[in-house]
């Protein structure tokens, strides 16, 4: 198998996964957090302060996971491909 194909996969994962926080930020900026809270409030009854904390925490964990699982394997595969 050619080493270049596996090196492209984490790169595209980084691009796609990096776009999701940008889209979520756009939704919050345009619609406001009240829109998101009302939408999710139909399914789960959570106080507003708790909802904001959970949302902030989940987005932070998601961004950290993107950094750990996408660019690091991509860089490692690129180093191996050159060596």
Protein backbone atom coordinates (compact mmCIF):
# COMPACT_ATOMS: atom_id res chain seq x y z
CA UNK A 1 0.00 0.00 0.00
CA UNK A 2 1.17 3.51 -0.80
CA UNK A 3 1.97 5.53 2.36
CA UNK A 4 0.54 8.73 0.84
CA UNK A 5 -3.07 7.53 1.04
CA UNK A 6 -3.10 7.00 4.83
CA UNK A 7 -1.43 10.39 5.32
CA UNK A 8 -4.30 12.17 3.58
CA UNK A 9 -7.02 10.70 5.78
CA UNK A 10 -6.06 12.48 9.05
CA UNK A 11 -5.56 15.70 7.09
CA UNK A 12 -9.13 15.58 5.80
CA UNK A 13 -10.38 14.59 9.26
CA UNK A 14 -8.70 17.73 10.60
CA UNK A 15 -10.36 19.88 7.96
CA UNK A 16 -13.85 18.42 8.45
CA UNK A 17 -13.65 18.30 12.25
CA UNK A 18 -12.21 21.81 12.33
CA UNK A 19 -15.15 23.12 10.34
CA UNK A 20 -17.70 21.86 12.86
CA UNK A 21 -16.71 24.26 15.69
CA UNK A 22 -16.70 27.09 13.17
CA UNK A 23 -20.24 26.18 12.09
CA UNK A 24 -21.39 25.90 15.71
CA UNK A 25 -19.90 29.32 16.44
CA UNK A 26 -21.78 30.74 13.45
CA UNK A 27 -25.03 29.23 14.73
CA UNK A 28 -24.44 30.77 18.17
CA UNK A 29 -23.44 34.14 16.69
CA UNK A 30 -26.36 34.37 14.28
CA UNK A 31 -29.12 32.61 16.20
CA UNK A 32 -27.85 33.32 19.68
CA UNK A 33 -27.54 30.88 22.52
CA UNK A 34 -31.20 31.43 23.36
CA UNK A 35 -32.16 29.75 20.06
CA UNK A 36 -29.98 26.75 20.88
CA UNK A 37 -31.28 26.60 24.45
CA UNK A 38 -34.93 26.71 23.35
CA UNK A 39 -34.34 24.04 20.72
CA UNK A 40 -32.71 21.64 23.18
CA UNK A 41 -35.05 22.65 25.99
CA UNK A 42 -37.87 20.87 24.17
CA UNK A 43 -36.10 17.55 24.78
CA UNK A 44 -34.38 18.02 28.15
CA UNK A 45 -35.32 20.29 31.04
CA UNK A 46 -32.02 21.83 32.16
CA UNK A 47 -31.50 25.19 33.87
CA UNK A 48 -30.00 27.84 31.61
CA UNK A 49 -26.75 28.18 33.58
CA UNK A 50 -26.20 24.42 33.52
CA UNK A 51 -26.93 24.29 29.80
CA UNK A 52 -24.38 27.03 29.08
CA UNK A 53 -21.74 25.25 31.18
CA UNK A 54 -22.38 21.89 29.50
CA UNK A 55 -22.30 23.42 26.04
CA UNK A 56 -19.05 25.28 26.75
CA UNK A 57 -17.46 22.16 28.23
CA UNK A 58 -18.47 19.90 25.34
CA UNK A 59 -17.18 22.31 22.71
CA UNK A 60 -13.89 22.60 24.61
CA UNK A 61 -13.50 18.82 24.87
CA UNK A 62 -14.32 18.48 21.18
CA UNK A 63 -11.64 21.01 20.21
CA UNK A 64 -9.05 19.26 22.39
CA UNK A 65 -10.00 15.89 20.86
CA UNK A 66 -9.57 17.36 17.38
CA UNK A 67 -6.08 18.56 18.25
CA UNK A 68 -5.08 15.23 19.79
CA UNK A 69 -6.57 12.83 17.27
CA UNK A 70 -6.26 14.63 13.93
CA UNK A 71 -3.08 16.70 13.37
CA UNK A 72 -0.84 14.55 15.57
CA UNK A 73 -1.41 11.30 13.59
CA UNK A 74 -1.20 13.29 10.38
CA UNK A 75 2.19 14.71 11.34
CA UNK A 76 3.44 11.29 12.48
CA UNK A 77 2.41 9.65 9.21
CA UNK A 78 4.05 12.42 7.20
CA UNK A 79 7.29 11.96 9.15
CA UNK A 80 7.21 8.20 8.55
CA UNK A 81 6.43 8.71 4.85
CA UNK A 82 9.50 10.93 4.41
CA UNK A 83 11.82 8.59 6.31
